[in-house]
């Protein structure tokens, strides 16, 4: 029993939630003021789903325990973690536009309209669905050309800038959660841009990731209608296996495959 679990049980008189001991490592890092990745990444690294530490509905017992320990044992200590809170109506990217501004840069809808004549510093870019994964990859690889999808479901200004970038011969590939909604988002992107967006997130690779990293959840693996042939295959795999994979689980996989994609014309 750790200091955290003992204090919780002693002061609340409640049983520990399943998996509570996994948080000991995280609490030790907070105590030592270690630098932490975004909270979704923290949760996945501990073996939970990405929203466990952010969303009270995802895993209520663990969420309540986590919040209790923060409140009662770290009340006066800020958590040294990367934030993934980004504006939903913005266009956030790193190493895409020639600019003297610090990277990543955030453009609001009014700025987006003025970006047509700005030179690009790359001919390739990786669109990342998840805020936390975007900023975590950037912090680990600050030279990579990244675009944050930012959960905005592609507002019109965002759409138009993506189309302009595509028309300027910027080759883009997409990475998102491997669940029903994640595939739906990827499919929507494929209707906006006239290029193959899935040279990394291929059907073969997705099936492999589902087998190796997949978690079972019938609610996140429902069959949804999609148009893109590759997305149809991936939706079928997710639904048939009843397994999903979150982006935070794939960081090491991404690091290898993105590097290959950046440095090669095509992936095998």
C-alpha atoms as a PDB file:
ATOM      1  CA  UNK A   1       0.000   0.000   0.000  1.00  0.00           C
ATOM      2  CA  UNK A   2       1.350   3.415  -0.946  1.00  0.00           C
ATOM      3  CA  UNK A   3       1.204   6.743   0.867  1.00  0.00           C
ATOM      4  CA  UNK A   4      -1.595   7.828  -1.489  1.00  0.00           C
ATOM      5  CA  UNK A   5      -3.780   4.749  -1.192  1.00  0.00           C
ATOM      6  CA  UNK A   6      -3.303   4.565   2.581  1.00  0.00           C
ATOM      7  CA  UNK A   7      -4.243   8.209   3.116  1.00  0.00           C
ATOM      8  CA  UNK A   8      -7.283   7.843   0.866  1.00  0.00           C
ATOM      9  CA  UNK A   9      -8.602   4.787   2.707  1.00  0.00           C
ATOM     10  CA  UNK A  10      -7.806   6.175   6.157  1.00  0.00           C
ATOM     11  CA  UNK A  11      -9.454   9.539   5.617  1.00  0.00           C
ATOM     12  CA  UNK A  12     -12.422   8.508   3.473  1.00  0.00           C
ATOM     13  CA  UNK A  13     -13.111   5.015   4.790  1.00  0.00           C
ATOM     14  CA  UNK A  14     -13.804   3.947   1.210  1.00  0.00           C
ATOM     15  CA  UNK A  15     -12.450   1.003  -0.745  1.00  0.00           C
ATOM     16  CA  UNK A  16      -9.888   1.771  -3.403  1.00  0.00           C
ATOM     17  CA  UNK A  17     -11.173   1.752  -6.976  1.00  0.00           C
ATOM     18  CA  UNK A  18      -9.849  -0.926  -9.282  1.00  0.00           C
ATOM     19  CA  UNK A  19      -6.525   0.191 -10.725  1.00  0.00           C
ATOM     20  CA  UNK A  20      -5.860   2.846  -8.078  1.00  0.00           C
ATOM     21  CA  UNK A  21      -2.345   1.548  -7.475  1.00  0.00           C
ATOM     22  CA  UNK A  22      -1.436   2.356 -11.092  1.00  0.00           C
ATOM     23  CA  UNK A  23      -1.622   6.053 -10.222  1.00  0.00           C
ATOM     24  CA  UNK A  24       1.202   5.794  -7.671  1.00  0.00           C
ATOM     25  CA  UNK A  25       3.801   6.329 -10.403  1.00  0.00           C
ATOM     26  CA  UNK A  26       2.019   9.446 -11.625  1.00  0.00           C
ATOM     27  CA  UNK A  27       1.611  10.877  -8.126  1.00  0.00           C
ATOM     28  CA  UNK A  28       5.309  10.312  -7.445  1.00  0.00           C
ATOM     29  CA  UNK A  29       6.160  12.280 -10.583  1.00  0.00           C
ATOM     30  CA  UNK A  30       3.853  15.106  -9.514  1.00  0.00           C
ATOM     31  CA  UNK A  31       5.523  15.136  -6.097  1.00  0.00           C
ATOM     32  CA  UNK A  32       8.929  15.414  -7.784  1.00  0.00           C
ATOM     33  CA  UNK A  33       7.672  18.161 -10.124  1.00  0.00           C
ATOM     34  CA  UNK A  34       8.612  16.037 -13.135  1.00  0.00           C
ATOM     35  CA  UNK A  35       7.549  17.209 -16.588  1.00  0.00           C
ATOM     36  CA  UNK A  36       4.446  15.321 -17.680  1.00  0.00           C
ATOM     37  CA  UNK A  37       2.793  14.811 -21.084  1.00  0.00           C
ATOM     38  CA  UNK A  38      -0.828  15.912 -21.670  1.00  0.00           C
ATOM     39  CA  UNK A  39      -3.321  14.315 -19.303  1.00  0.00           C
ATOM     40  CA  UNK A  40      -4.763  11.951 -21.898  1.00  0.00           C
ATOM     41  CA  UNK A  41      -1.286  10.591 -22.519  1.00  0.00           C
ATOM     42  CA  UNK A  42      -0.740  10.212 -18.771  1.00  0.00           C
ATOM     43  CA  UNK A  43      -3.877   8.085 -18.510  1.00  0.00           C
ATOM     44  CA  UNK A  44      -2.999   5.823 -21.433  1.00  0.00           C
ATOM     45  CA  UNK A  45       0.569   5.373 -20.193  1.00  0.00           C
ATOM     46  CA  UNK A  46      -0.925   4.068 -16.936  1.00  0.00           C
ATOM     47  CA  UNK A  47      -3.157   1.607 -18.776  1.00  0.00           C
ATOM     48  CA  UNK A  48      -6.434   3.570 -18.693  1.00  0.00           C
ATOM     49  CA  UNK A  49      -8.404   5.073 -21.567  1.00  0.00           C
ATOM     50  CA  UNK A  50      -7.449   8.593 -22.615  1.00  0.00           C
ATOM     51  CA  UNK A  51     -10.321  10.477 -20.938  1.00  0.00           C
ATOM     52  CA  UNK A  52     -10.064   8.719 -17.555  1.00  0.00           C
ATOM     53  CA  UNK A  53      -8.352  11.627 -15.781  1.00  0.00           C
ATOM     54  CA  UNK A  54     -10.288  14.353 -17.636  1.00  0.00           C
ATOM     55  CA  UNK A  55     -13.860  13.089 -17.822  1.00  0.00           C
ATOM     56  CA  UNK A  56     -15.795  12.117 -14.697  1.00  0.00           C
ATOM     57  CA  UNK A  57     -18.038   9.831 -16.753  1.00  0.00           C
ATOM     58  CA  UNK A  58     -15.273   7.729 -18.329  1.00  0.00           C
ATOM     59  CA  UNK A  59     -14.227   5.827 -15.180  1.00  0.00           C
ATOM     60  CA  UNK A  60     -15.953   7.538 -12.232  1.00  0.00           C
ATOM     61  CA  UNK A  61     -14.238   5.654  -9.348  1.00  0.00           C
ATOM     62  CA  UNK A  62     -10.722   6.259 -10.682  1.00  0.00           C
ATOM     63  CA  UNK A  63     -11.540   9.868 -11.595  1.00  0.00           C
ATOM     64  CA  UNK A  64     -12.862  10.579  -8.086  1.00  0.00           C
ATOM     65  CA  UNK A  65      -9.807   8.955  -6.496  1.00  0.00           C
ATOM     66  CA  UNK A  66      -7.430  10.914  -8.760  1.00  0.00           C
ATOM     67  CA  UNK A  67      -9.180  14.205  -7.990  1.00  0.00           C
ATOM     68  CA  UNK A  68      -9.249  13.434  -4.253  1.00  0.00           C
ATOM     69  CA  UNK A  69      -5.492  12.840  -4.128  1.00  0.00           C
ATOM     70  CA  UNK A  70      -4.799  16.014  -6.104  1.00  0.00           C
ATOM     71  CA  UNK A  71      -7.023  18.048  -3.794  1.00  0.00           C
ATOM     72  CA  UNK A  72      -5.793  16.629  -0.494  1.00  0.00           C
ATOM     73  CA  UNK A  73      -2.127  15.889  -1.224  1.00  0.00           C
ATOM     74  CA  UNK A  74      -1.102  18.345  -3.969  1.00  0.00           C
ATOM     75  CA  UNK A  75      -3.365  21.322  -3.333  1.00  0.00           C
ATOM     76  CA  UNK A  76      -0.485  23.805  -3.176  1.00  0.00           C
ATOM     77  CA  UNK A  77       1.624  22.251  -5.923  1.00  0.00           C
ATOM     78  CA  UNK A  78       1.012  23.029  -9.608  1.00  0.00           C
ATOM     79  CA  UNK A  79       1.147  20.070 -11.968  1.00  0.00           C
ATOM     80  CA  UNK A  80       3.963  20.404 -14.481  1.00  0.00           C
ATOM     81  CA  UNK A  81       2.073  19.017 -17.488  1.00  0.00           C
ATOM     82  CA  UNK A  82       1.715  19.978 -21.127  1.00  0.00           C
ATOM     83  CA  UNK A  83      -1.673  21.475 -21.796  1.00  0.00           C
ATOM     84  CA  UNK A  84      -3.807  20.316 -24.726  1.00  0.00           C
ATOM     85  CA  UNK A  85      -6.456  23.023 -24.326  1.00  0.00           C
ATOM     86  CA  UNK A  86      -6.642  24.638 -27.744  1.00  0.00           C
ATOM     87  CA  UNK A  87      -9.338  26.802 -29.318  1.00  0.00           C
ATOM     88  CA  UNK A  88     -11.789  24.664 -31.285  1.00  0.00           C
ATOM     89  CA  UNK A  89     -12.324  27.205 -34.061  1.00  0.00           C
ATOM     90  CA  UNK A  90      -8.632  27.769 -34.699  1.00  0.00           C
ATOM     91  CA  UNK A  91      -6.077  26.280 -37.062  1.00  0.00           C
ATOM     92  CA  UNK A  92      -3.081  25.084 -35.066  1.00  0.00           C
ATOM     93  CA  UNK A  93       0.044  23.869 -36.840  1.00  0.00           C
ATOM     94  CA  UNK A  94       3.764  23.454 -36.420  1.00  0.00           C
ATOM     95  CA  UNK A  95       6.417  23.941 -39.101  1.00  0.00           C
ATOM     96  CA  UNK A  96       3.930  24.492 -41.942  1.00  0.00           C
ATOM     97  CA  UNK A  97       4.084  28.257 -42.651  1.00  0.00           C
ATOM     98  CA  UNK A  98       7.173  30.419 -43.110  1.00  0.00           C
ATOM     99  CA  UNK A  99       6.942  32.756 -40.137  1.00  0.00           C
ATOM    100  CA  UNK A 100       9.047  34.289 -37.400  1.00  0.00           C
ATOM    101  CA  UNK A 101       6.368  33.480 -34.836  1.00  0.00           C
ATOM    102  CA  UNK A 102       7.175  30.813 -32.260  1.00  0.00           C
ATOM    103  CA  UNK A 103       5.900  27.351 -33.148  1.00  0.00           C
ATOM    104  CA  UNK A 104       3.249  26.007 -32.949  1.00  0.00           C
ATOM    105  CA  UNK A 105       1.176  28.850 -34.383  1.00  0.00           C
ATOM    106  CA  UNK A 106      -2.560  29.340 -33.869  1.00  0.00           C
ATOM    107  CA  UNK A 107      -4.688  31.067 -36.489  1.00  0.00           C
ATOM    108  CA  UNK A 108      -8.219  32.296 -35.865  1.00  0.00           C
ATOM    109  CA  UNK A 109     -10.809  32.264 -38.700  1.00  0.00           C
ATOM    110  CA  UNK A 110     -10.029  35.893 -39.616  1.00  0.00           C
ATOM    111  CA  UNK A 111      -6.328  35.187 -39.913  1.00  0.00           C
ATOM    112  CA  UNK A 112      -6.914  32.062 -41.987  1.00  0.00           C
ATOM    113  CA  UNK A 113      -8.327  34.147 -44.827  1.00  0.00           C
ATOM    114  CA  UNK A 114      -5.031  36.057 -45.048  1.00  0.00           C
ATOM    115  CA  UNK A 115      -2.760  32.987 -45.251  1.00  0.00           C
ATOM    116  CA  UNK A 116      -3.120  32.352 -48.996  1.00  0.00           C
ATOM    117  CA  UNK A 117       0.102  34.119 -49.949  1.00  0.00           C
ATOM    118  CA  UNK A 118       2.230  32.895 -47.043  1.00  0.00           C
ATOM    119  CA  UNK A 119       5.024  30.559 -48.145  1.00  0.00           C
ATOM    120  CA  UNK A 120       5.202  27.006 -46.858  1.00  0.00           C
ATOM    121  CA  UNK A 121       8.276  25.551 -45.194  1.00  0.00           C
ATOM    122  CA  UNK A 122       7.402  21.942 -46.012  1.00  0.00           C
ATOM    123  CA  UNK A 123       5.859  19.803 -48.736  1.00  0.00           C
ATOM    124  CA  UNK A 124       4.411  17.268 -46.274  1.00  0.00           C
ATOM    125  CA  UNK A 125       2.277  17.474 -43.142  1.00  0.00           C
ATOM    126  CA  UNK A 126       0.704  15.112 -40.626  1.00  0.00           C
ATOM    127  CA  UNK A 127      -2.827  15.941 -39.452  1.00  0.00           C
ATOM    128  CA  UNK A 128      -3.358  14.717 -35.894  1.00  0.00           C
ATOM    129  CA  UNK A 129      -6.890  14.354 -34.536  1.00  0.00           C
ATOM    130  CA  UNK A 130      -6.075  14.625 -30.837  1.00  0.00           C
ATOM    131  CA  UNK A 131      -4.957  17.860 -29.121  1.00  0.00           C
ATOM    132  CA  UNK A 132      -2.799  16.111 -26.557  1.00  0.00           C
ATOM    133  CA  UNK A 133      -1.136  13.828 -29.089  1.00  0.00           C
ATOM    134  CA  UNK A 134      -0.405  16.819 -31.332  1.00  0.00           C
ATOM    135  CA  UNK A 135       1.364  18.776 -28.595  1.00  0.00           C
ATOM    136  CA  UNK A 136       3.119  15.671 -27.238  1.00  0.00           C
ATOM    137  CA  UNK A 137       4.500  14.750 -30.659  1.00  0.00           C
ATOM    138  CA  UNK A 138       5.571  18.350 -31.199  1.00  0.00           C
ATOM    139  CA  UNK A 139       7.357  18.479 -27.852  1.00  0.00           C
ATOM    140  CA  UNK A 140       9.235  15.272 -28.711  1.00  0.00           C
ATOM    141  CA  UNK A 141       9.883  16.186 -32.357  1.00  0.00           C
ATOM    142  CA  UNK A 142       9.778  19.991 -32.642  1.00  0.00           C
ATOM    143  CA  UNK A 143      10.932  19.861 -36.274  1.00  0.00           C
ATOM    144  CA  UNK A 144       8.013  17.768 -37.558  1.00  0.00           C
ATOM    145  CA  UNK A 145       5.349  19.417 -39.775  1.00  0.00           C
ATOM    146  CA  UNK A 146       2.101  18.884 -37.853  1.00  0.00           C
ATOM    147  CA  UNK A 147      -1.483  20.106 -38.168  1.00  0.00           C
ATOM    148  CA  UNK A 148      -3.888  19.801 -35.254  1.00  0.00           C
ATOM    149  CA  UNK A 149      -7.419  18.738 -36.121  1.00  0.00           C
ATOM    150  CA  UNK A 150      -8.324  19.961 -32.607  1.00  0.00           C
ATOM    151  CA  UNK A 151     -11.697  18.239 -32.308  1.00  0.00           C
ATOM    152  CA  UNK A 152     -13.429  21.023 -34.228  1.00  0.00           C
ATOM    153  CA  UNK A 153     -14.987  18.613 -36.733  1.00  0.00           C
ATOM    154  CA  UNK A 154     -13.512  20.750 -39.494  1.00  0.00           C
ATOM    155  CA  UNK A 155     -15.201  24.150 -39.351  1.00  0.00           C
ATOM    156  CA  UNK A 156     -15.515  25.989 -42.662  1.00  0.00           C
ATOM    157  CA  UNK A 157     -12.447  28.211 -42.241  1.00  0.00           C
ATOM    158  CA  UNK A 158     -10.398  25.132 -41.350  1.00  0.00           C
ATOM    159  CA  UNK A 159     -11.756  23.314 -44.399  1.00  0.00           C
ATOM    160  CA  UNK A 160     -10.862  26.135 -46.752  1.00  0.00           C
ATOM    161  CA  UNK A 161      -7.306  26.398 -45.494  1.00  0.00           C
ATOM    162  CA  UNK A 162      -6.793  22.640 -45.842  1.00  0.00           C
ATOM    163  CA  UNK A 163      -8.064  22.837 -49.414  1.00  0.00           C
ATOM    164  CA  UNK A 164      -5.703  25.737 -50.183  1.00  0.00           C
ATOM    165  CA  UNK A 165      -2.780  23.815 -48.715  1.00  0.00           C
ATOM    166  CA  UNK A 166      -3.702  20.757 -50.766  1.00  0.00           C
ATOM    167  CA  UNK A 167      -3.971  22.870 -53.908  1.00  0.00           C
ATOM    168  CA  UNK A 168      -0.482  24.191 -53.140  1.00  0.00           C
ATOM    169  CA  UNK A 169       0.786  20.619 -53.364  1.00  0.00           C
ATOM    170  CA  UNK A 170       1.131  20.041 -49.631  1.00  0.00           C
ATOM    171  CA  UNK A 171       0.961  16.272 -49.186  1.00  0.00           C
ATOM    172  CA  UNK A 172      -1.009  15.397 -46.046  1.00  0.00           C
ATOM    173  CA  UNK A 173      -1.625  12.230 -44.078  1.00  0.00           C
ATOM    174  CA  UNK A 174      -4.059  11.718 -41.217  1.00  0.00           C
ATOM    175  CA  UNK A 175      -3.832   9.993 -37.838  1.00  0.00           C
ATOM    176  CA  UNK A 176      -6.799   9.601 -35.489  1.00  0.00           C
ATOM    177  CA  UNK A 177      -8.428   7.420 -32.858  1.00  0.00           C
ATOM    178  CA  UNK A 178      -9.275   3.955 -34.124  1.00  0.00           C
ATOM    179  CA  UNK A 179     -12.879   3.842 -33.001  1.00  0.00           C
ATOM    180  CA  UNK A 180     -16.132   4.467 -34.817  1.00  0.00           C
ATOM    181  CA  UNK A 181     -16.094   8.238 -34.342  1.00  0.00           C
ATOM    182  CA  UNK A 182     -12.415   8.477 -35.201  1.00  0.00           C
ATOM    183  CA  UNK A 183     -12.977   6.683 -38.493  1.00  0.00           C
ATOM    184  CA  UNK A 184     -15.972   8.912 -39.212  1.00  0.00           C
ATOM    185  CA  UNK A 185     -13.800  12.022 -38.748  1.00  0.00           C
ATOM    186  CA  UNK A 186     -11.103  10.577 -41.006  1.00  0.00           C
ATOM    187  CA  UNK A 187     -13.716   9.738 -43.642  1.00  0.00           C
ATOM    188  CA  UNK A 188     -15.048  13.300 -43.515  1.00  0.00           C
ATOM    189  CA  UNK A 189     -11.556  14.621 -44.149  1.00  0.00           C
ATOM    190  CA  UNK A 190     -11.207  12.382 -47.185  1.00  0.00           C
ATOM    191  CA  UNK A 191     -14.281  14.054 -48.718  1.00  0.00           C
ATOM    192  CA  UNK A 192     -12.627  17.484 -48.385  1.00  0.00           C
ATOM    193  CA  UNK A 193      -9.219  16.750 -49.869  1.00  0.00           C
ATOM    194  CA  UNK A 194      -8.524  15.038 -53.161  1.00  0.00           C
ATOM    195  CA  UNK A 195      -5.517  13.002 -52.067  1.00  0.00           C
ATOM    196  CA  UNK A 196      -4.698   9.748 -50.302  1.00  0.00           C
ATOM    197  CA  UNK A 197      -4.720  10.681 -46.629  1.00  0.00           C
ATOM    198  CA  UNK A 198      -3.994   7.243 -45.231  1.00  0.00           C
ATOM    199  CA  UNK A 199      -0.469   6.244 -46.188  1.00  0.00           C
ATOM    200  CA  UNK A 200       0.365   5.766 -42.508  1.00  0.00           C
ATOM    201  CA  UNK A 201      -3.046   4.784 -41.161  1.00  0.00           C
ATOM    202  CA  UNK A 202      -3.436   1.950 -43.647  1.00  0.00           C
ATOM    203  CA  UNK A 203      -6.015  -0.826 -43.295  1.00  0.00           C
ATOM    204  CA  UNK A 204      -3.278  -3.398 -42.746  1.00  0.00           C
ATOM    205  CA  UNK A 205      -1.540  -1.359 -40.080  1.00  0.00           C
ATOM    206  CA  UNK A 206      -4.834  -0.521 -38.341  1.00  0.00           C
ATOM    207  CA  UNK A 207      -5.763  -4.202 -38.120  1.00  0.00           C
ATOM    208  CA  UNK A 208      -2.350  -4.920 -36.589  1.00  0.00           C
ATOM    209  CA  UNK A 209      -2.780  -2.117 -34.050  1.00  0.00           C
ATOM    210  CA  UNK A 210      -6.258  -3.352 -33.116  1.00  0.00           C
ATOM    211  CA  UNK A 211      -4.913  -6.844 -32.467  1.00  0.00           C
ATOM    212  CA  UNK A 212      -1.905  -5.656 -30.474  1.00  0.00           C
ATOM    213  CA  UNK A 213      -3.348  -2.686 -28.569  1.00  0.00           C
ATOM    214  CA  UNK A 214      -7.132  -2.983 -28.890  1.00  0.00           C
ATOM    215  CA  UNK A 215      -9.511  -2.557 -25.947  1.00  0.00           C
ATOM    216  CA  UNK A 216     -13.030  -3.978 -26.013  1.00  0.00           C
ATOM    217  CA  UNK A 217     -16.020  -1.626 -26.002  1.00  0.00           C
ATOM    218  CA  UNK A 218     -19.190  -2.171 -28.033  1.00  0.00           C
ATOM    219  CA  UNK A 219     -20.184   1.499 -27.690  1.00  0.00           C
ATOM    220  CA  UNK A 220     -16.999   2.735 -29.366  1.00  0.00           C
ATOM    221  CA  UNK A 221     -17.011   0.087 -32.091  1.00  0.00           C
ATOM    222  CA  UNK A 222     -20.456   0.516 -33.640  1.00  0.00           C
ATOM    223  CA  UNK A 223     -20.739   0.244 -37.405  1.00  0.00           C
ATOM    224  CA  UNK A 224     -21.132   3.687 -38.981  1.00  0.00           C
ATOM    225  CA  UNK A 225     -21.541   4.480 -42.656  1.00  0.00           C
ATOM    226  CA  UNK A 226     -18.430   5.902 -44.314  1.00  0.00           C
ATOM    227  CA  UNK A 227     -17.609   6.529 -47.968  1.00  0.00           C
ATOM    228  CA  UNK A 228     -13.855   6.112 -48.312  1.00  0.00           C
ATOM    229  CA  UNK A 229     -12.857   2.551 -49.205  1.00  0.00           C
ATOM    230  CA  UNK A 230      -9.959   2.454 -46.745  1.00  0.00           C
ATOM    231  CA  UNK A 231     -12.179   3.806 -43.990  1.00  0.00           C
ATOM    232  CA  UNK A 232     -14.806   1.187 -44.791  1.00  0.00           C
ATOM    233  CA  UNK A 233     -12.193  -1.532 -44.277  1.00  0.00           C
ATOM    234  CA  UNK A 234     -11.013  -0.011 -41.015  1.00  0.00           C
ATOM    235  CA  UNK A 235     -14.574   0.481 -39.746  1.00  0.00           C
ATOM    236  CA  UNK A 236     -15.255  -3.180 -40.552  1.00  0.00           C
ATOM    237  CA  UNK A 237     -12.171  -4.287 -38.602  1.00  0.00           C
ATOM    238  CA  UNK A 238     -13.117  -2.183 -35.579  1.00  0.00           C
ATOM    239  CA  UNK A 239     -16.703  -3.412 -35.586  1.00  0.00           C
ATOM    240  CA  UNK A 240     -15.854  -7.061 -36.210  1.00  0.00           C
ATOM    241  CA  UNK A 241     -13.209  -7.209 -33.486  1.00  0.00           C
ATOM    242  CA  UNK A 242     -15.216  -4.933 -31.135  1.00  0.00           C
ATOM    243  CA  UNK A 243     -11.899  -3.285 -30.297  1.00  0.00           C
ATOM    244  CA  UNK A 244     -10.692   0.310 -30.353  1.00  0.00           C
ATOM    245  CA  UNK A 245      -7.303   1.977 -30.011  1.00  0.00           C
ATOM    246  CA  UNK A 246      -6.654   5.532 -28.852  1.00  0.00           C
ATOM    247  CA  UNK A 247      -3.955   7.689 -30.361  1.00  0.00           C
ATOM    248  CA  UNK A 248      -2.123   7.993 -27.061  1.00  0.00           C
ATOM    249  CA  UNK A 249      -1.448   4.241 -27.195  1.00  0.00           C
ATOM    250  CA  UNK A 250       0.377   4.591 -30.513  1.00  0.00           C
ATOM    251  CA  UNK A 251       3.032   7.212 -29.793  1.00  0.00           C
ATOM    252  CA  UNK A 252       5.973   4.835 -30.279  1.00  0.00           C
ATOM    253  CA  UNK A 253       4.335   3.430 -33.422  1.00  0.00           C
ATOM    254  CA  UNK A 254       3.760   6.943 -34.746  1.00  0.00           C
ATOM    255  CA  UNK A 255       7.318   8.008 -34.098  1.00  0.00           C
ATOM    256  CA  UNK A 256       8.649   5.264 -36.357  1.00  0.00           C
ATOM    257  CA  UNK A 257       6.043   5.488 -39.113  1.00  0.00           C
ATOM    258  CA  UNK A 258       5.949   9.306 -39.265  1.00  0.00           C
ATOM    259  CA  UNK A 259       9.724   9.502 -39.575  1.00  0.00           C
ATOM    260  CA  UNK A 260       9.595   6.995 -42.426  1.00  0.00           C
ATOM    261  CA  UNK A 261       6.772   8.873 -44.136  1.00  0.00           C
ATOM    262  CA  UNK A 262       8.539  12.220 -43.909  1.00  0.00           C
ATOM    263  CA  UNK A 263      11.758  10.802 -45.335  1.00  0.00           C
ATOM    264  CA  UNK A 264      10.251   8.666 -48.116  1.00  0.00           C
ATOM    265  CA  UNK A 265       7.955   9.337 -51.040  1.00  0.00           C
ATOM    266  CA  UNK A 266       5.639   6.484 -50.084  1.00  0.00           C
ATOM    267  CA  UNK A 267       5.344   3.858 -47.433  1.00  0.00           C
ATOM    268  CA  UNK A 268       5.563   0.186 -48.296  1.00  0.00           C
END
